Amino acid sequence: MVIGYNAMSQEIINNGIIIDSRMTFAEATAGTKAPKKVIDALCLIDVSYYSFDGKLHLGQLIVHKTVRKDILDIFAWIEKTRFPVARAIPIVRYNWSDKASMADNNTSAFNYRFVQGTKRLSHHAFGRAVDINPCQNPVIYKDGRINPPGAVYRSDKAGAFSEASPIVQAFLSRGWQWGAHFKTMKDHHHFQKL
């Protein structure tokens, strides 16, 4: 059975898990402008999570090999606690558009791109950052702008993070930085490891 949503499709497999993404590494990195050295340091991982429909989903993230275990451990906690994740699909599905991925509330990691408004490569460009539920955890700029547009941040809502969130603490305890601690903006969906 195939179910359509947002111009994408999901597949339900026999054990009831909904497949949000099932790509090969070559498919998940097709068309990136990243140099071979960067690509060679990445891996594609399967992650499972309960989505906002209350059902178990399987998605994928491309991450740097050195953070693979951290992400797998944190997503095991996400699944165990049923913290809702909308979807996790490699950003190639969005033609490498961070804007389109965020608008679709997609959780993503690797994307060879610059930090918005700069000429500095993002931690995403090396697979050392992950964005989770951008619509529940938007970026809030000092001038009041919110990204993705129309998103509302309420830390008490399902799928949103707060300082006390066990998932935030799981990232921090593993040496990750949380974007809500940034000085120039509050990037609630962003976690990065130096």
C-alpha atoms as a PDB file:
ATOM      1  CA  MET A   1       0.000   0.000   0.000  1.00  0.00           C
ATOM      2  CA  VAL A   2       1.363   3.440  -0.895  1.00  0.00           C
ATOM      3  CA  ILE A   3       0.158   6.648   0.723  1.00  0.00           C
ATOM      4  CA  GLY A   4       0.892  10.053  -0.836  1.00  0.00           C
ATOM      5  CA  TYR A   5       1.825  13.213   1.024  1.00  0.00           C
ATOM      6  CA  ASN A   6       3.428  16.488  -0.070  1.00  0.00           C
ATOM      7  CA  ALA A   7       4.357  15.108  -3.504  1.00  0.00           C
ATOM      8  CA  MET A   8       6.234  12.250  -1.847  1.00  0.00           C
ATOM      9  CA  SER A   9       5.148   8.747  -1.013  1.00  0.00           C
ATOM     10  CA  GLN A  10       5.381   6.420   1.931  1.00  0.00           C
ATOM     11  CA  GLU A  11       5.425   2.667   1.856  1.00  0.00           C
ATOM     12  CA  ILE A  12       4.001   0.523   4.622  1.00  0.00           C
ATOM     13  CA  ILE A  13       5.889  -2.724   5.058  1.00  0.00           C
ATOM     14  CA  ASN A  14       4.562  -5.961   6.574  1.00  0.00           C
ATOM     15  CA  ASN A  15       5.442  -5.212  10.199  1.00  0.00           C
ATOM     16  CA  GLY A  16       3.523  -1.930  10.071  1.00  0.00           C
ATOM     17  CA  ILE A  17       6.488   0.420   9.821  1.00  0.00           C
ATOM     18  CA  ILE A  18       5.934   3.302   7.417  1.00  0.00           C
ATOM     19  CA  ILE A  19       8.949   3.896   5.188  1.00  0.00           C
ATOM     20  CA  ASP A  20       9.615   7.605   4.688  1.00  0.00           C
ATOM     21  CA  SER A  21      12.933   7.040   2.929  1.00  0.00           C
ATOM     22  CA  ARG A  22      14.709   4.051   1.438  1.00  0.00           C
ATOM     23  CA  MET A  23      17.669   5.267  -0.623  1.00  0.00           C
ATOM     24  CA  THR A  24      21.107   3.984  -1.377  1.00  0.00           C
ATOM     25  CA  PHE A  25      24.086   6.134  -0.398  1.00  0.00           C
ATOM     26  CA  ALA A  26      24.623   6.978  -4.091  1.00  0.00           C
ATOM     27  CA  GLU A  27      20.989   8.103  -4.443  1.00  0.00           C
ATOM     28  CA  ALA A  28      21.120  10.126  -1.214  1.00  0.00           C
ATOM     29  CA  THR A  29      24.229  12.055  -2.322  1.00  0.00           C
ATOM     30  CA  ALA A  30      23.394  12.421  -6.034  1.00  0.00           C
ATOM     31  CA  GLY A  31      23.942  15.933  -7.332  1.00  0.00           C
ATOM     32  CA  THR A  32      25.732  17.325  -4.283  1.00  0.00           C
ATOM     33  CA  LYS A  33      28.540  19.776  -4.931  1.00  0.00           C
ATOM     34  CA  ALA A  34      30.538  18.334  -2.017  1.00  0.00           C
ATOM     35  CA  PRO A  35      34.108  17.258  -2.827  1.00  0.00           C
ATOM     36  CA  LYS A  36      34.983  13.552  -2.782  1.00  0.00           C
ATOM     37  CA  LYS A  37      36.902  13.980   0.483  1.00  0.00           C
ATOM     38  CA  VAL A  38      33.693  15.130   2.204  1.00  0.00           C
ATOM     39  CA  ILE A  39      31.562  12.384   0.623  1.00  0.00           C
ATOM     40  CA  ASP A  40      34.053   9.703   1.698  1.00  0.00           C
ATOM     41  CA  ALA A  41      33.662  10.776   5.349  1.00  0.00           C
ATOM     42  CA  LEU A  42      29.858  10.352   5.316  1.00  0.00           C
ATOM     43  CA  CYS A  43      27.530   7.420   5.933  1.00  0.00           C
ATOM     44  CA  LEU A  44      23.815   6.835   5.409  1.00  0.00           C
ATOM     45  CA  ILE A  45      21.937   5.593   8.466  1.00  0.00           C
ATOM     46  CA  ASP A  46      18.412   4.330   8.990  1.00  0.00           C
ATOM     47  CA  VAL A  47      16.534   5.899  11.897  1.00  0.00           C
ATOM     48  CA  SER A  48      13.145   4.953  13.291  1.00  0.00           C
ATOM     49  CA  TYR A  49      10.744   7.279  15.087  1.00  0.00           C
ATOM     50  CA  TYR A  50       7.088   7.788  15.824  1.00  0.00           C
ATOM     51  CA  SER A  51       5.677  10.557  13.689  1.00  0.00           C
ATOM     52  CA  PHE A  52       2.817  12.915  14.503  1.00  0.00           C
ATOM     53  CA  ASP A  53       0.388  10.272  13.199  1.00  0.00           C
ATOM     54  CA  GLY A  54       1.371   8.056  16.173  1.00  0.00           C
ATOM     55  CA  LYS A  55       2.804   5.402  13.855  1.00  0.00           C
ATOM     56  CA  LEU A  56       6.333   4.033  13.644  1.00  0.00           C
ATOM     57  CA  HIS A  57       8.278   5.369  10.649  1.00  0.00           C
ATOM     58  CA  LEU A  58      11.667   4.577   9.146  1.00  0.00           C
ATOM     59  CA  GLY A  59      13.722   7.395   7.662  1.00  0.00           C
ATOM     60  CA  GLN A  60      17.332   8.097   6.767  1.00  0.00           C
ATOM     61  CA  LEU A  61      20.016  10.636   7.580  1.00  0.00           C
ATOM     62  CA  ILE A  62      23.440  11.231   6.042  1.00  0.00           C
ATOM     63  CA  VAL A  63      25.969  12.021   8.755  1.00  0.00           C
ATOM     64  CA  HIS A  64      29.722  12.157   9.269  1.00  0.00           C
ATOM     65  CA  LYS A  65      31.038   8.741  10.275  1.00  0.00           C
ATOM     66  CA  THR A  66      32.372  10.151  13.566  1.00  0.00           C
ATOM     67  CA  VAL A  67      28.861  11.147  14.765  1.00  0.00           C
ATOM     68  CA  ARG A  68      27.065   8.011  13.551  1.00  0.00           C
ATOM     69  CA  LYS A  69      26.880   6.389  16.999  1.00  0.00           C
ATOM     70  CA  ASP A  70      25.650   9.598  18.674  1.00  0.00           C
ATOM     71  CA  ILE A  71      22.805   9.955  16.170  1.00  0.00           C
ATOM     72  CA  LEU A  72      21.836   6.274  16.369  1.00  0.00           C
ATOM     73  CA  ASP A  73      21.816   6.421  20.190  1.00  0.00           C
ATOM     74  CA  ILE A  74      19.751   9.621  20.253  1.00  0.00           C
ATOM     75  CA  PHE A  75      17.261   8.285  17.710  1.00  0.00           C
ATOM     76  CA  ALA A  76      16.924   5.086  19.761  1.00  0.00           C
ATOM     77  CA  TRP A  77      15.890   7.376  22.645  1.00  0.00           C
ATOM     78  CA  ILE A  78      13.586   9.345  20.337  1.00  0.00           C
ATOM     79  CA  GLU A  79      11.852   6.119  19.312  1.00  0.00           C
ATOM     80  CA  LYS A  80      11.694   4.722  22.866  1.00  0.00           C
ATOM     81  CA  THR A  81      10.138   7.899  24.268  1.00  0.00           C
ATOM     82  CA  ARG A  82       7.883   8.374  21.231  1.00  0.00           C
ATOM     83  CA  PHE A  83       9.098  11.948  20.783  1.00  0.00           C
ATOM     84  CA  PRO A  84       7.371  12.787  17.481  1.00  0.00           C
ATOM     85  CA  VAL A  85       9.523  13.426  14.401  1.00  0.00           C
ATOM     86  CA  ALA A  86       7.633  14.487  11.275  1.00  0.00           C
ATOM     87  CA  ARG A  87       9.984  12.755   8.798  1.00  0.00           C
ATOM     88  CA  ALA A  88      13.683  12.139   8.136  1.00  0.00           C
ATOM     89  CA  ILE A  89      14.538  12.159   4.444  1.00  0.00           C
ATOM     90  CA  PRO A  90      17.913  12.971   2.862  1.00  0.00           C
ATOM     91  CA  ILE A  91      17.735  16.487   1.493  1.00  0.00           C
ATOM     92  CA  VAL A  92      18.438  15.328  -2.080  1.00  0.00           C
ATOM     93  CA  ARG A  93      14.662  14.661  -2.190  1.00  0.00           C
ATOM     94  CA  TYR A  94      14.231  18.426  -1.902  1.00  0.00           C
ATOM     95  CA  ASN A  95      16.780  19.167  -4.660  1.00  0.00           C
ATOM     96  CA  TRP A  96      19.275  20.210  -1.956  1.00  0.00           C
ATOM     97  CA  SER A  97      16.998  23.080  -0.877  1.00  0.00           C
ATOM     98  CA  ASP A  98      17.194  23.706   2.861  1.00  0.00           C
ATOM     99  CA  LYS A  99      14.219  26.053   2.519  1.00  0.00           C
ATOM    100  CA  ALA A 100      12.015  23.356   0.934  1.00  0.00           C
ATOM    101  CA  SER A 101      13.125  20.732   3.458  1.00  0.00           C
ATOM    102  CA  MET A 102      12.332  22.994   6.409  1.00  0.00           C
ATOM    103  CA  ALA A 103       8.959  24.004   4.962  1.00  0.00           C
ATOM    104  CA  ASP A 104       8.082  20.281   4.813  1.00  0.00           C
ATOM    105  CA  ASN A 105       9.122  19.873   8.490  1.00  0.00           C
ATOM    106  CA  ASN A 106      11.830  17.449   7.420  1.00  0.00           C
ATOM    107  CA  THR A 107      14.564  16.301   9.785  1.00  0.00           C
ATOM    108  CA  SER A 108      17.875  16.342   7.924  1.00  0.00           C
ATOM    109  CA  ALA A 109      21.626  16.303   8.410  1.00  0.00           C
ATOM    110  CA  PHE A 110      24.123  16.484   5.505  1.00  0.00           C
ATOM    111  CA  ASN A 111      23.665  19.307   3.012  1.00  0.00           C
ATOM    112  CA  TYR A 112      26.729  20.841   1.351  1.00  0.00           C
ATOM    113  CA  ARG A 113      25.761  24.491   1.796  1.00  0.00           C
ATOM    114  CA  PHE A 114      26.780  27.774   3.345  1.00  0.00           C
ATOM    115  CA  VAL A 115      25.381  29.207   6.565  1.00  0.00           C
ATOM    116  CA  GLN A 116      22.452  31.345   5.431  1.00  0.00           C
ATOM    117  CA  GLY A 117      23.601  34.845   4.497  1.00  0.00           C
ATOM    118  CA  THR A 118      27.335  34.036   4.706  1.00  0.00           C
ATOM    119  CA  LYS A 119      30.167  32.515   2.671  1.00  0.00           C
ATOM    120  CA  ARG A 120      31.018  30.120   5.525  1.00  0.00           C
ATOM    121  CA  LEU A 121      30.275  26.415   5.119  1.00  0.00           C
ATOM    122  CA  SER A 122      27.675  25.091   7.530  1.00  0.00           C
ATOM    123  CA  HIS A 123      28.338  22.130   9.826  1.00  0.00           C
ATOM    124  CA  HIS A 124      25.675  20.448   7.660  1.00  0.00           C
ATOM    125  CA  ALA A 125      28.194  20.594   4.791  1.00  0.00           C
ATOM    126  CA  PHE A 126      30.264  17.989   6.640  1.00  0.00           C
ATOM    127  CA  GLY A 127      27.410  15.907   8.090  1.00  0.00           C
ATOM    128  CA  ARG A 128      28.130  17.165  11.609  1.00  0.00           C
ATOM    129  CA  ALA A 129      24.775  18.887  12.181  1.00  0.00           C
ATOM    130  CA  VAL A 130      21.180  17.724  12.341  1.00  0.00           C
ATOM    131  CA  ASP A 131      17.937  19.733  12.183  1.00  0.00           C
ATOM    132  CA  ILE A 132      14.902  18.140  13.872  1.00  0.00           C
ATOM    133  CA  ASN A 133      11.287  19.242  13.334  1.00  0.00           C
ATOM    134  CA  PRO A 134      11.960  22.763  12.003  1.00  0.00           C
ATOM    135  CA  CYS A 135       8.263  23.710  12.073  1.00  0.00           C
ATOM    136  CA  GLN A 136       7.993  22.988  15.817  1.00  0.00           C
ATOM    137  CA  ASN A 137      11.509  24.324  16.480  1.00  0.00           C
ATOM    138  CA  PRO A 138      12.025  27.289  14.154  1.00  0.00           C
ATOM    139  CA  VAL A 139      14.915  29.705  13.905  1.00  0.00           C
ATOM    140  CA  ILE A 140      14.021  32.988  15.609  1.00  0.00           C
ATOM    141  CA  TYR A 141      16.195  35.944  14.604  1.00  0.00           C
ATOM    142  CA  LYS A 142      16.844  38.992  16.791  1.00  0.00           C
ATOM    143  CA  ASP A 143      14.701  41.131  14.461  1.00  0.00           C
ATOM    144  CA  GLY A 144      11.721  38.791  15.022  1.00  0.00           C
ATOM    145  CA  ARG A 145      11.873  36.925  11.695  1.00  0.00           C
ATOM    146  CA  ILE A 146      11.065  33.211  11.925  1.00  0.00           C
ATOM    147  CA  ASN A 147      12.262  30.425   9.658  1.00  0.00           C
ATOM    148  CA  PRO A 148      10.516  28.460   8.293  1.00  0.00           C
ATOM    149  CA  PRO A 149       7.961  31.209   7.668  1.00  0.00           C
ATOM    150  CA  GLY A 150       4.707  30.690   9.539  1.00  0.00           C
ATOM    151  CA  ALA A 151       6.222  28.398  12.154  1.00  0.00           C
ATOM    152  CA  VAL A 152       5.440  29.054  15.802  1.00  0.00           C
ATOM    153  CA  TYR A 153       7.753  28.067  18.637  1.00  0.00           C
ATOM    154  CA  ARG A 154       6.072  26.759  21.766  1.00  0.00           C
ATOM    155  CA  SER A 155       8.380  24.590  23.854  1.00  0.00           C
ATOM    156  CA  ASP A 156       5.396  22.790  25.440  1.00  0.00           C
ATOM    157  CA  LYS A 157       4.063  21.501  22.092  1.00  0.00           C
ATOM    158  CA  ALA A 158       4.641  17.944  20.836  1.00  0.00           C
ATOM    159  CA  GLY A 159       7.877  17.707  18.851  1.00  0.00           C
ATOM    160  CA  ALA A 160       9.341  20.924  20.280  1.00  0.00           C
ATOM    161  CA  PHE A 161      12.512  21.267  22.335  1.00  0.00           C
ATOM    162  CA  SER A 162      13.180  23.130  25.556  1.00  0.00           C
ATOM    163  CA  GLU A 163      16.257  23.386  27.751  1.00  0.00           C
ATOM    164  CA  ALA A 164      14.867  20.565  29.906  1.00  0.00           C
ATOM    165  CA  SER A 165      14.105  18.250  26.976  1.00  0.00           C
ATOM    166  CA  PRO A 166      15.782  14.855  27.412  1.00  0.00           C
ATOM    167  CA  ILE A 167      16.762  14.925  23.733  1.00  0.00           C
ATOM    168  CA  VAL A 168      18.465  18.305  24.097  1.00  0.00           C
ATOM    169  CA  GLN A 169      20.283  16.934  27.148  1.00  0.00           C
ATOM    170  CA  ALA A 170      21.256  13.783  25.213  1.00  0.00           C
ATOM    171  CA  PHE A 171      22.910  15.922  22.538  1.00  0.00           C
ATOM    172  CA  LEU A 172      24.610  18.235  25.043  1.00  0.00           C
ATOM    173  CA  SER A 173      25.971  15.322  27.113  1.00  0.00           C
ATOM    174  CA  ARG A 174      27.667  13.994  23.956  1.00  0.00           C
ATOM    175  CA  GLY A 175      29.431  17.302  23.264  1.00  0.00           C
ATOM    176  CA  TRP A 176      26.955  18.729  20.727  1.00  0.00           C
ATOM    177  CA  GLN A 177      25.909  22.386  20.615  1.00  0.00           C
ATOM    178  CA  TRP A 178      22.244  23.390  20.507  1.00  0.00           C
ATOM    179  CA  GLY A 179      21.316  26.243  18.171  1.00  0.00           C
ATOM    180  CA  ALA A 180      19.010  27.778  20.784  1.00  0.00           C
ATOM    181  CA  HIS A 181      22.217  28.745  22.616  1.00  0.00           C
ATOM    182  CA  PHE A 182      23.534  30.791  19.663  1.00  0.00           C
ATOM    183  CA  LYS A 183      23.985  34.519  20.369  1.00  0.00           C
ATOM    184  CA  THR A 184      22.822  35.903  17.006  1.00  0.00           C
ATOM    185  CA  MET A 185      19.662  33.777  16.717  1.00  0.00           C
ATOM    186  CA  LYS A 186      17.758  30.981  18.445  1.00  0.00           C
ATOM    187  CA  ASP A 187      17.999  28.005  16.077  1.00  0.00           C
ATOM    188  CA  HIS A 188      15.813  25.597  18.044  1.00  0.00           C
ATOM    189  CA  HIS A 189      15.901  22.711  15.549  1.00  0.00           C
ATOM    190  CA  HIS A 190      19.701  22.711  15.035  1.00  0.00           C
ATOM    191  CA  PHE A 191      22.341  20.564  16.773  1.00  0.00           C
ATOM    192  CA  GLN A 192      25.987  20.499  15.719  1.00  0.00           C
ATOM    193  CA  LYS A 193      29.199  18.847  16.798  1.00  0.00           C
ATOM    194  CA  LEU A 194      32.570  20.517  16.190  1.00  0.00           C
END
